[in-house]
Amino acid sequence: MRCPGWYYVKVTASPNLTPTWGNKPLKLSLRLTVEDTPGNQPAYAGDPGIFQLPHTKPTPTPKKPTAAEDGASGGMKTVAIGAFGTGLLLLAVAATRVLRARRPPRP
């Protein structure tokens, strides 16, 4: 769980179990084990307020990527721009064909 607080779990069963178990609510016990130690909380843009985890120090705010890190995704930007341009071209061709088909024939 990323945020402290109360959590609710709802458990349901298949309606096909009604002939075997009946239509009344059944008692259910849920046992949880917490393992490991809590890690640092996620970085928030502002004050985490009530979501501040006790006994943890906040992680620093994420920094903007450097030019070298940002350049690593340059290939995907090219693909995205190409896909967007191709989509616009296809829409323009389809709109032109629809408008030409609705034009009355020449006398």
PDB file of N, CA and C in Angstrom:
ATOM      1  N   MET A   1       0.840  -1.164   0.000  1.00  0.00           N
ATOM      2  CA  MET A   1       0.000   0.000   0.000  1.00  0.00           C
ATOM      3  C   MET A   1       0.892   1.236   0.000  1.00  0.00           C
ATOM      4  N   ARG A   2       0.653   2.139  -0.915  1.00  0.00           N
ATOM      5  CA  ARG A   2       1.508   3.317  -1.027  1.00  0.00           C
ATOM      6  C   ARG A   2       1.170   4.393  -0.015  1.00  0.00           C
ATOM      7  N   CYS A   3      -0.083   4.480   0.403  1.00  0.00           N
ATOM      8  CA  CYS A   3      -0.499   5.545   1.303  1.00  0.00           C
ATOM      9  C   CYS A   3      -1.018   4.945   2.605  1.00  0.00           C
ATOM     10  N   PRO A   4      -0.683   5.564   3.734  1.00  0.00           N
ATOM     11  CA  PRO A   4      -1.185   5.048   5.003  1.00  0.00           C
ATOM     12  C   PRO A   4      -2.678   5.296   5.121  1.00  0.00           C
ATOM     13  N   GLY A   5      -3.336   4.502   5.928  1.00  0.00           N
ATOM     14  CA  GLY A   5      -4.759   4.695   6.154  1.00  0.00           C
ATOM     15  C   GLY A   5      -5.489   3.372   6.218  1.00  0.00           C
ATOM     16  N   TRP A   6      -6.796   3.458   6.238  1.00  0.00           N
ATOM     17  CA  TRP A   6      -7.631   2.265   6.287  1.00  0.00           C
ATOM     18  C   TRP A   6      -7.905   1.784   4.876  1.00  0.00           C
ATOM     19  N   TYR A   7      -7.898   0.479   4.708  1.00  0.00           N
ATOM     20  CA  TYR A   7      -8.185  -0.117   3.411  1.00  0.00           C
ATOM     21  C   TYR A   7      -9.297  -1.144   3.587  1.00  0.00           C
ATOM     22  N   TYR A   8     -10.140  -1.269   2.596  1.00  0.00           N
ATOM     23  CA  TYR A   8     -11.250  -2.205   2.645  1.00  0.00           C
ATOM     24  C   TYR A   8     -11.073  -3.235   1.537  1.00  0.00           C
ATOM     25  N   VAL A   9     -11.373  -4.472   1.868  1.00  0.00           N
ATOM     26  CA  VAL A   9     -11.293  -5.561   0.904  1.00  0.00           C
ATOM     27  C   VAL A   9     -12.679  -6.170   0.812  1.00  0.00           C
ATOM     28  N   LYS A  10     -13.183  -6.305  -0.400  1.00  0.00           N
ATOM     29  CA  LYS A  10     -14.487  -6.921  -0.616  1.00  0.00           C
ATOM     30  C   LYS A  10     -14.266  -8.264  -1.308  1.00  0.00           C
ATOM     31  N   VAL A  11     -14.820  -9.309  -0.733  1.00  0.00           N
ATOM     32  CA  VAL A  11     -14.676 -10.648  -1.288  1.00  0.00           C
ATOM     33  C   VAL A  11     -16.053 -11.126  -1.708  1.00  0.00           C
ATOM     34  N   THR A  12     -16.167 -11.599  -2.946  1.00  0.00           N
ATOM     35  CA  THR A  12     -17.435 -12.137  -3.431  1.00  0.00           C
ATOM     36  C   THR A  12     -17.204 -13.544  -3.966  1.00  0.00           C
ATOM     37  N   ALA A  13     -18.264 -14.297  -4.026  1.00  0.00           N
ATOM     38  CA  ALA A  13     -18.197 -15.662  -4.550  1.00  0.00           C
ATOM     39  C   ALA A  13     -19.161 -15.795  -5.721  1.00  0.00           C
ATOM     40  N   SER A  14     -18.933 -16.782  -6.529  1.00  0.00           N
ATOM     41  CA  SER A  14     -19.784 -17.030  -7.691  1.00  0.00           C
ATOM     42  C   SER A  14     -21.194 -17.428  -7.253  1.00  0.00           C
ATOM     43  N   PRO A  15     -22.234 -16.973  -7.961  1.00  0.00           N
ATOM     44  CA  PRO A  15     -23.604 -17.385  -7.642  1.00  0.00           C
ATOM     45  C   PRO A  15     -23.799 -18.896  -7.803  1.00  0.00           C
ATOM     46  N   ASN A  16     -22.901 -19.559  -8.522  1.00  0.00           N
ATOM     47  CA  ASN A  16     -23.017 -21.013  -8.709  1.00  0.00           C
ATOM     48  C   ASN A  16     -22.761 -21.772  -7.406  1.00  0.00           C
ATOM     49  N   LEU A  17     -22.202 -21.102  -6.397  1.00  0.00           N
ATOM     50  CA  LEU A  17     -21.946 -21.750  -5.114  1.00  0.00           C
ATOM     51  C   LEU A  17     -23.162 -21.743  -4.192  1.00  0.00           C
ATOM     52  N   THR A  18     -24.238 -21.063  -4.582  1.00  0.00           N
ATOM     53  CA  THR A  18     -25.435 -20.959  -3.740  1.00  0.00           C
ATOM     54  C   THR A  18     -26.008 -22.322  -3.359  1.00  0.00           C
ATOM     55  N   PRO A  19     -26.148 -23.296  -4.279  1.00  0.00           N
ATOM     56  CA  PRO A  19     -26.710 -24.595  -3.871  1.00  0.00           C
ATOM     57  C   PRO A  19     -25.854 -25.293  -2.795  1.00  0.00           C
ATOM     58  N   THR A  20     -24.546 -25.103  -2.830  1.00  0.00           N
ATOM     59  CA  THR A  20     -23.671 -25.773  -1.874  1.00  0.00           C
ATOM     60  C   THR A  20     -23.602 -25.041  -0.539  1.00  0.00           C
ATOM     61  N   TRP A  21     -23.410 -23.731  -0.574  1.00  0.00           N
ATOM     62  CA  TRP A  21     -23.154 -22.961   0.642  1.00  0.00           C
ATOM     63  C   TRP A  21     -24.344 -22.148   1.115  1.00  0.00           C
ATOM     64  N   GLY A  22     -25.397 -22.052   0.344  1.00  0.00           N
ATOM     65  CA  GLY A  22     -26.560 -21.262   0.739  1.00  0.00           C
ATOM     66  C   GLY A  22     -26.415 -19.818   0.286  1.00  0.00           C
ATOM     67  N   ASN A  23     -27.436 -19.010   0.588  1.00  0.00           N
ATOM     68  CA  ASN A  23     -27.480 -17.633   0.119  1.00  0.00           C
ATOM     69  C   ASN A  23     -27.138 -16.637   1.221  1.00  0.00           C
ATOM     70  N   LYS A  24     -26.719 -17.119   2.398  1.00  0.00           N
ATOM     71  CA  LYS A  24     -26.410 -16.240   3.518  1.00  0.00           C
ATOM     72  C   LYS A  24     -24.924 -15.858   3.479  1.00  0.00           C
ATOM     73  N   PRO A  25     -24.584 -14.687   4.075  1.00  0.00           N
ATOM     74  CA  PRO A  25     -23.167 -14.292   4.131  1.00  0.00           C
ATOM     75  C   PRO A  25     -22.333 -15.287   4.929  1.00  0.00           C
ATOM     76  N   LEU A  26     -21.122 -15.527   4.504  1.00  0.00           N
ATOM     77  CA  LEU A  26     -20.204 -16.424   5.193  1.00  0.00           C
ATOM     78  C   LEU A  26     -19.167 -15.605   5.954  1.00  0.00           C
ATOM     79  N   LYS A  27     -18.689 -16.133   7.074  1.00  0.00           N
ATOM     80  CA  LYS A  27     -17.622 -15.456   7.808  1.00  0.00           C
ATOM     81  C   LYS A  27     -16.298 -15.747   7.101  1.00  0.00           C
ATOM     82  N   LEU A  28     -15.464 -14.731   7.042  1.00  0.00           N
ATOM     83  CA  LEU A  28     -14.196 -14.849   6.340  1.00  0.00           C
ATOM     84  C   LEU A  28     -13.120 -14.182   7.178  1.00  0.00           C
ATOM     85  N   SER A  29     -12.004 -14.842   7.339  1.00  0.00           N
ATOM     86  CA  SER A  29     -10.859 -14.251   8.034  1.00  0.00           C
ATOM     87  C   SER A  29      -9.753 -14.012   7.016  1.00  0.00           C
ATOM     88  N   LEU A  30      -9.199 -12.833   7.065  1.00  0.00           N
ATOM     89  CA  LEU A  30      -8.116 -12.468   6.163  1.00  0.00           C
ATOM     90  C   LEU A  30      -6.909 -12.123   7.015  1.00  0.00           C
ATOM     91  N   ARG A  31      -5.827 -12.854   6.835  1.00  0.00           N
ATOM     92  CA  ARG A  31      -4.614 -12.609   7.615  1.00  0.00           C
ATOM     93  C   ARG A  31      -3.534 -12.101   6.680  1.00  0.00           C
ATOM     94  N   LEU A  32      -2.921 -10.993   7.063  1.00  0.00           N
ATOM     95  CA  LEU A  32      -1.868 -10.379   6.270  1.00  0.00           C
ATOM     96  C   LEU A  32      -0.577 -10.351   7.063  1.00  0.00           C
ATOM     97  N   THR A  33       0.521 -10.500   6.364  1.00  0.00           N
ATOM     98  CA  THR A  33       1.829 -10.400   6.977  1.00  0.00           C
ATOM     99  C   THR A  33       2.599  -9.289   6.279  1.00  0.00           C
ATOM    100  N   VAL A  34       3.157  -8.395   7.060  1.00  0.00           N
ATOM    101  CA  VAL A  34       3.968  -7.318   6.500  1.00  0.00           C
ATOM    102  C   VAL A  34       5.416  -7.756   6.555  1.00  0.00           C
ATOM    103  N   GLU A  35       6.067  -7.778   5.399  1.00  0.00           N
ATOM    104  CA  GLU A  35       7.449  -8.206   5.314  1.00  0.00           C
ATOM    105  C   GLU A  35       8.324  -7.041   4.899  1.00  0.00           C
ATOM    106  N   ASP A  36       9.592  -7.139   5.219  1.00  0.00           N
ATOM    107  CA  ASP A  36      10.588  -6.150   4.821  1.00  0.00           C
ATOM    108  C   ASP A  36      10.396  -4.851   5.605  1.00  0.00           C
ATOM    109  N   THR A  37      11.165  -3.858   5.269  1.00  0.00           N
ATOM    110  CA  THR A  37      11.067  -2.574   5.943  1.00  0.00           C
ATOM    111  C   THR A  37      10.480  -1.562   4.975  1.00  0.00           C
ATOM    112  N   PRO A  38       9.794  -0.525   5.491  1.00  0.00           N
ATOM    113  CA  PRO A  38       9.216   0.453   4.567  1.00  0.00           C
ATOM    114  C   PRO A  38      10.296   1.220   3.831  1.00  0.00           C
ATOM    115  N   GLY A  39      10.050   1.488   2.574  1.00  0.00           N
ATOM    116  CA  GLY A  39      10.988   2.253   1.765  1.00  0.00           C
ATOM    117  C   GLY A  39      10.668   3.733   1.843  1.00  0.00           C
ATOM    118  N   ASN A  40      11.371   4.512   1.064  1.00  0.00           N
ATOM    119  CA  ASN A  40      11.098   5.942   1.013  1.00  0.00           C
ATOM    120  C   ASN A  40       9.761   6.177   0.338  1.00  0.00           C
ATOM    121  N   GLN A  41       9.095   7.225   0.769  1.00  0.00           N
ATOM    122  CA  GLN A  41       7.802   7.544   0.176  1.00  0.00           C
ATOM    123  C   GLN A  41       8.001   8.136  -1.210  1.00  0.00           C
ATOM    124  N   PRO A  42       6.960   8.109  -2.049  1.00  0.00           N
ATOM    125  CA  PRO A  42       7.097   8.690  -3.388  1.00  0.00           C
ATOM    126  C   PRO A  42       7.270  10.202  -3.299  1.00  0.00           C
ATOM    127  N   ALA A  43       7.916  10.775  -4.299  1.00  0.00           N
ATOM    128  CA  ALA A  43       8.135  12.222  -4.327  1.00  0.00           C
ATOM    129  C   ALA A  43       6.845  12.918  -4.740  1.00  0.00           C
ATOM    130  N   TYR A  44       6.453  13.931  -3.994  1.00  0.00           N
ATOM    131  CA  TYR A  44       5.264  14.716  -4.308  1.00  0.00           C
ATOM    132  C   TYR A  44       5.707  16.080  -4.822  1.00  0.00           C
ATOM    133  N   ALA A  45       4.892  16.680  -5.682  1.00  0.00           N
ATOM    134  CA  ALA A  45       5.207  18.014  -6.186  1.00  0.00           C
ATOM    135  C   ALA A  45       5.069  19.054  -5.077  1.00  0.00           C
ATOM    136  N   GLY A  46       4.186  18.813  -4.126  1.00  0.00           N
ATOM    137  CA  GLY A  46       3.975  19.736  -3.017  1.00  0.00           C
ATOM    138  C   GLY A  46       4.076  18.993  -1.701  1.00  0.00           C
ATOM    139  N   ASP A  47       3.513  19.581  -0.664  1.00  0.00           N
ATOM    140  CA  ASP A  47       3.503  18.968   0.657  1.00  0.00           C
ATOM    141  C   ASP A  47       2.593  17.738   0.635  1.00  0.00           C
ATOM    142  N   PRO A  48       3.071  16.552   1.074  1.00  0.00           N
ATOM    143  CA  PRO A  48       2.227  15.362   1.038  1.00  0.00           C
ATOM    144  C   PRO A  48       1.065  15.399   2.023  1.00  0.00           C
ATOM    145  N   GLY A  49       1.095  16.325   2.977  1.00  0.00           N
ATOM    146  CA  GLY A  49      -0.023  16.469   3.903  1.00  0.00           C
ATOM    147  C   GLY A  49      -0.274  15.216   4.710  1.00  0.00           C
ATOM    148  N   ILE A  50      -1.514  14.717   4.687  1.00  0.00           N
ATOM    149  CA  ILE A  50      -1.875  13.541   5.497  1.00  0.00           C
ATOM    150  C   ILE A  50      -1.248  12.261   4.963  1.00  0.00           C
ATOM    151  N   PHE A  51      -0.687  12.318   3.752  1.00  0.00           N
ATOM    152  CA  PHE A  51      -0.092  11.119   3.176  1.00  0.00           C
ATOM    153  C   PHE A  51       1.382  10.971   3.546  1.00  0.00           C
ATOM    154  N   GLN A  52       1.871  11.820   4.440  1.00  0.00           N
ATOM    155  CA  GLN A  52       3.250  11.717   4.919  1.00  0.00           C
ATOM    156  C   GLN A  52       3.401  10.424   5.704  1.00  0.00           C
ATOM    157  N   LEU A  53       4.319   9.576   5.308  1.00  0.00           N
ATOM    158  CA  LEU A  53       4.543   8.319   6.009  1.00  0.00           C
ATOM    159  C   LEU A  53       5.371   8.569   7.261  1.00  0.00           C
ATOM    160  N   PRO A  54       4.967   7.993   8.384  1.00  0.00           N
ATOM    161  CA  PRO A  54       5.748   8.206   9.600  1.00  0.00           C
ATOM    162  C   PRO A  54       7.093   7.482   9.527  1.00  0.00           C
ATOM    163  N   HIS A  55       8.098   8.061  10.144  1.00  0.00           N
ATOM    164  CA  HIS A  55       9.432   7.461  10.274  1.00  0.00           C
ATOM    165  C   HIS A  55      10.127   7.241   8.937  1.00  0.00           C
ATOM    166  N   THR A  56       9.798   8.029   7.944  1.00  0.00           N
ATOM    167  CA  THR A  56      10.516   7.965   6.665  1.00  0.00           C
ATOM    168  C   THR A  56      10.892   9.376   6.268  1.00  0.00           C
ATOM    169  N   LYS A  57      11.990   9.486   5.553  1.00  0.00           N
ATOM    170  CA  LYS A  57      12.366  10.807   5.077  1.00  0.00           C
ATOM    171  C   LYS A  57      11.903  10.943   3.634  1.00  0.00           C
ATOM    172  N   PRO A  58      11.376  12.106   3.263  1.00  0.00           N
ATOM    173  CA  PRO A  58      10.871  12.266   1.899  1.00  0.00           C
ATOM    174  C   PRO A  58      12.000  12.188   0.875  1.00  0.00           C
ATOM    175  N   THR A  59      11.676  11.623  -0.263  1.00  0.00           N
ATOM    176  CA  THR A  59      12.645  11.555  -1.351  1.00  0.00           C
ATOM    177  C   THR A  59      12.710  12.919  -2.029  1.00  0.00           C
ATOM    178  N   PRO A  60      13.834  13.267  -2.608  1.00  0.00           N
ATOM    179  CA  PRO A  60      13.916  14.570  -3.261  1.00  0.00           C
ATOM    180  C   PRO A  60      12.978  14.637  -4.463  1.00  0.00           C
ATOM    181  N   THR A  61      12.579  15.845  -4.797  1.00  0.00           N
ATOM    182  CA  THR A  61      11.705  16.050  -5.953  1.00  0.00           C
ATOM    183  C   THR A  61      12.450  15.622  -7.211  1.00  0.00           C
ATOM    184  N   PRO A  62      11.770  14.910  -8.123  1.00  0.00           N
ATOM    185  CA  PRO A  62      12.455  14.466  -9.335  1.00  0.00           C
ATOM    186  C   PRO A  62      12.971  15.651 -10.151  1.00  0.00           C
ATOM    187  N   LYS A  63      14.169  15.489 -10.712  1.00  0.00           N
ATOM    188  CA  LYS A  63      14.752  16.564 -11.498  1.00  0.00           C
ATOM    189  C   LYS A  63      14.389  16.386 -12.967  1.00  0.00           C
ATOM    190  N   LYS A  64      14.511  17.480 -13.703  1.00  0.00           N
ATOM    191  CA  LYS A  64      14.248  17.420 -15.141  1.00  0.00           C
ATOM    192  C   LYS A  64      15.381  16.650 -15.812  1.00  0.00           C
ATOM    193  N   PRO A  65      15.080  15.906 -16.881  1.00  0.00           N
ATOM    194  CA  PRO A  65      16.149  15.154 -17.545  1.00  0.00           C
ATOM    195  C   PRO A  65      17.151  16.081 -18.220  1.00  0.00           C
ATOM    196  N   THR A  66      18.380  15.650 -18.233  1.00  0.00           N
ATOM    197  CA  THR A  66      19.420  16.418 -18.915  1.00  0.00           C
ATOM    198  C   THR A  66      19.263  16.239 -20.424  1.00  0.00           C
ATOM    199  N   ALA A  67      20.006  17.017 -21.192  1.00  0.00           N
ATOM    200  CA  ALA A  67      19.919  16.932 -22.649  1.00  0.00           C
ATOM    201  C   ALA A  67      20.314  15.545 -23.143  1.00  0.00           C
ATOM    202  N   ALA A  68      21.328  14.943 -22.490  1.00  0.00           N
ATOM    203  CA  ALA A  68      21.765  13.609 -22.900  1.00  0.00           C
ATOM    204  C   ALA A  68      20.672  12.572 -22.608  1.00  0.00           C
ATOM    205  N   GLU A  69      20.031  12.690 -21.436  1.00  0.00           N
ATOM    206  CA  GLU A  69      18.970  11.742 -21.090  1.00  0.00           C
ATOM    207  C   GLU A  69      17.759  11.943 -21.980  1.00  0.00           C
ATOM    208  N   ASP A  70      17.436  13.201 -22.282  1.00  0.00           N
ATOM    209  CA  ASP A  70      16.281  13.495 -23.114  1.00  0.00           C
ATOM    210  C   ASP A  70      16.531  13.068 -24.560  1.00  0.00           C
ATOM    211  N   GLY A  71      17.780  13.125 -25.011  1.00  0.00           N
ATOM    212  CA  GLY A  71      18.105  12.733 -26.378  1.00  0.00           C
ATOM    213  C   GLY A  71      17.956  11.248 -26.617  1.00  0.00           C
ATOM    214  N   ALA A  72      17.952  10.460 -25.550  1.00  0.00           N
ATOM    215  CA  ALA A  72      17.833   9.017 -25.701  1.00  0.00           C
ATOM    216  C   ALA A  72      16.478   8.623 -26.262  1.00  0.00           C
ATOM    217  N   SER A  73      15.453   9.461 -26.077  1.00  0.00           N
ATOM    218  CA  SER A  73      14.124   9.120 -26.583  1.00  0.00           C
ATOM    219  C   SER A  73      13.848   9.795 -27.917  1.00  0.00           C
ATOM    220  N   GLY A  74      14.867  10.293 -28.581  1.00  0.00           N
ATOM    221  CA  GLY A  74      14.695  10.994 -29.843  1.00  0.00           C
ATOM    222  C   GLY A  74      14.091  10.131 -30.931  1.00  0.00           C
ATOM    223  N   GLY A  75      14.410   8.848 -30.959  1.00  0.00           N
ATOM    224  CA  GLY A  75      13.857   7.966 -31.979  1.00  0.00           C
ATOM    225  C   GLY A  75      12.354   7.802 -31.843  1.00  0.00           C
ATOM    226  N   MET A  76      11.884   7.724 -30.622  1.00  0.00           N
ATOM    227  CA  MET A  76      10.446   7.572 -30.408  1.00  0.00           C
ATOM    228  C   MET A  76       9.702   8.853 -30.765  1.00  0.00           C
ATOM    229  N   LYS A  77      10.341   9.991 -30.568  1.00  0.00           N
ATOM    230  CA  LYS A  77       9.713  11.254 -30.962  1.00  0.00           C
ATOM    231  C   LYS A  77       9.524  11.296 -32.472  1.00  0.00           C
ATOM    232  N   THR A  78      10.516  10.817 -33.202  1.00  0.00           N
ATOM    233  CA  THR A  78      10.426  10.790 -34.659  1.00  0.00           C
ATOM    234  C   THR A  78       9.291   9.873 -35.107  1.00  0.00           C
ATOM    235  N   VAL A  79       9.172   8.723 -34.469  1.00  0.00           N
ATOM    236  CA  VAL A  79       8.090   7.785 -34.802  1.00  0.00           C
ATOM    237  C   VAL A  79       6.735   8.414 -34.495  1.00  0.00           C
ATOM    238  N   ALA A  80       6.620   9.088 -33.358  1.00  0.00           N
ATOM    239  CA  ALA A  80       5.351   9.711 -32.976  1.00  0.00           C
ATOM    240  C   ALA A  80       4.961  10.818 -33.954  1.00  0.00           C
ATOM    241  N   ILE A  81       5.923  11.648 -34.347  1.00  0.00           N
ATOM    242  CA  ILE A  81       5.639  12.724 -35.294  1.00  0.00           C
ATOM    243  C   ILE A  81       5.240  12.147 -36.646  1.00  0.00           C
ATOM    244  N   GLY A  82       5.932  11.089 -37.068  1.00  0.00           N
ATOM    245  CA  GLY A  82       5.586  10.451 -38.350  1.00  0.00           C
ATOM    246  C   GLY A  82       4.198   9.836 -38.325  1.00  0.00           C
ATOM    247  N   ALA A  83       3.846   9.187 -37.218  1.00  0.00           N
ATOM    248  CA  ALA A  83       2.523   8.573 -37.106  1.00  0.00           C
ATOM    249  C   ALA A  83       1.435   9.643 -37.091  1.00  0.00           C
ATOM    250  N   PHE A  84       1.671  10.732 -36.372  1.00  0.00           N
ATOM    251  CA  PHE A  84       0.700  11.817 -36.319  1.00  0.00           C
ATOM    252  C   PHE A  84       0.508  12.434 -37.706  1.00  0.00           C
ATOM    253  N   GLY A  85       1.613  12.685 -38.410  1.00  0.00           N
ATOM    254  CA  GLY A  85       1.532  13.254 -39.754  1.00  0.00           C
ATOM    255  C   GLY A  85       0.816  12.334 -40.725  1.00  0.00           C
ATOM    256  N   THR A  86       1.103  11.032 -40.647  1.00  0.00           N
ATOM    257  CA  THR A  86       0.440  10.069 -41.518  1.00  0.00           C
ATOM    258  C   THR A  86      -1.057  10.022 -41.240  1.00  0.00           C
ATOM    259  N   GLY A  87      -1.427  10.076 -39.971  1.00  0.00           N
ATOM    260  CA  GLY A  87      -2.845  10.081 -39.603  1.00  0.00           C
ATOM    261  C   GLY A  87      -3.563  11.307 -40.146  1.00  0.00           C
ATOM    262  N   LEU A  88      -2.924  12.466 -40.039  1.00  0.00           N
ATOM    263  CA  LEU A  88      -3.532  13.684 -40.582  1.00  0.00           C
ATOM    264  C   LEU A  88      -3.676  13.606 -42.099  1.00  0.00           C
ATOM    265  N   LEU A  89      -2.674  13.066 -42.772  1.00  0.00           N
ATOM    266  CA  LEU A  89      -2.737  12.928 -44.226  1.00  0.00           C
ATOM    267  C   LEU A  89      -3.883  11.999 -44.629  1.00  0.00           C
ATOM    268  N   LEU A  90      -4.029  10.886 -43.927  1.00  0.00           N
ATOM    269  CA  LEU A  90      -5.122   9.952 -44.241  1.00  0.00           C
ATOM    270  C   LEU A  90      -6.489  10.590 -44.005  1.00  0.00           C
ATOM    271  N   LEU A  91      -6.618  11.362 -42.936  1.00  0.00           N
ATOM    272  CA  LEU A  91      -7.885  12.055 -42.686  1.00  0.00           C
ATOM    273  C   LEU A  91      -8.194  13.067 -43.773  1.00  0.00           C
ATOM    274  N   ALA A  92      -7.166  13.795 -44.241  1.00  0.00           N
ATOM    275  CA  ALA A  92      -7.372  14.778 -45.301  1.00  0.00           C
ATOM    276  C   ALA A  92      -7.799  14.095 -46.601  1.00  0.00           C
ATOM    277  N   VAL A  93      -7.177  12.982 -46.941  1.00  0.00           N
ATOM    278  CA  VAL A  93      -7.542  12.243 -48.159  1.00  0.00           C
ATOM    279  C   VAL A  93      -8.970  11.714 -48.049  1.00  0.00           C
ATOM    280  N   ALA A  94      -9.335  11.165 -46.900  1.00  0.00           N
ATOM    281  CA  ALA A  94     -10.694  10.643 -46.723  1.00  0.00           C
ATOM    282  C   ALA A  94     -11.720  11.762 -46.805  1.00  0.00           C
ATOM    283  N   ALA A  95     -11.438  12.913 -46.203  1.00  0.00           N
ATOM    284  CA  ALA A  95     -12.380  14.035 -46.260  1.00  0.00           C
ATOM    285  C   ALA A  95     -12.533  14.533 -47.689  1.00  0.00           C
ATOM    286  N   THR A  96     -11.444  14.588 -48.438  1.00  0.00           N
ATOM    287  CA  THR A  96     -11.506  15.025 -49.841  1.00  0.00           C
ATOM    288  C   THR A  96     -12.357  14.067 -50.663  1.00  0.00           C
ATOM    289  N   ARG A  97     -12.189  12.788 -50.461  1.00  0.00           N
ATOM    290  CA  ARG A  97     -12.977  11.806 -51.219  1.00  0.00           C
ATOM    291  C   ARG A  97     -14.459  11.907 -50.886  1.00  0.00           C
ATOM    292  N   VAL A  98     -14.790  12.119 -49.620  1.00  0.00           N
ATOM    293  CA  VAL A  98     -16.198  12.246 -49.220  1.00  0.00           C
ATOM    294  C   VAL A  98     -16.812  13.491 -49.845  1.00  0.00           C
ATOM    295  N   LEU A  99     -16.085  14.609 -49.800  1.00  0.00           N
ATOM    296  CA  LEU A  99     -16.617  15.840 -50.378  1.00  0.00           C
ATOM    297  C   LEU A  99     -16.786  15.722 -51.889  1.00  0.00           C
ATOM    298  N   ARG A 100     -15.855  15.063 -52.560  1.00  0.00           N
ATOM    299  CA  ARG A 100     -15.981  14.876 -54.018  1.00  0.00           C
ATOM    300  C   ARG A 100     -17.161  13.963 -54.353  1.00  0.00           C
ATOM    301  N   ALA A 101     -17.428  12.972 -53.550  1.00  0.00           N
ATOM    302  CA  ALA A 101     -18.525  12.047 -53.827  1.00  0.00           C
ATOM    303  C   ALA A 101     -19.871  12.718 -53.629  1.00  0.00           C
ATOM    304  N   ARG A 102     -19.944  13.728 -52.784  1.00  0.00           N
ATOM    305  CA  ARG A 102     -21.226  14.409 -52.531  1.00  0.00           C
ATOM    306  C   ARG A 102     -21.483  15.542 -53.524  1.00  0.00           C
ATOM    307  N   ARG A 103     -20.518  15.907 -54.300  1.00  0.00           N
ATOM    308  CA  ARG A 103     -20.692  16.982 -55.276  1.00  0.00           C
ATOM    309  C   ARG A 103     -21.641  16.528 -56.380  1.00  0.00           C
ATOM    310  N   PRO A 104     -22.538  17.399 -56.796  1.00  0.00           N
ATOM    311  CA  PRO A 104     -23.434  16.989 -57.896  1.00  0.00           C
ATOM    312  C   PRO A 104     -22.646  16.809 -59.203  1.00  0.00           C
ATOM    313  N   PRO A 105     -23.086  15.891 -60.043  1.00  0.00           N
ATOM    314  CA  PRO A 105     -22.361  15.668 -61.304  1.00  0.00           C
ATOM    315  C   PRO A 105     -22.414  16.889 -62.201  1.00  0.00           C
ATOM    316  N   ARG A 106     -21.383  17.049 -63.048  1.00  0.00           N
ATOM    317  CA  ARG A 106     -21.331  18.183 -63.988  1.00  0.00           C
ATOM    318  C   ARG A 106     -22.295  17.926 -65.142  1.00  0.00           C
ATOM    319  N   PRO A 107     -22.928  19.004 -65.593  1.00  0.00           N
ATOM    320  CA  PRO A 107     -23.865  18.820 -66.735  1.00  0.00           C
ATOM    321  C   PRO A 107     -23.174  18.609 -68.052  1.00  0.00           C
TER     322      PRO A 107
END
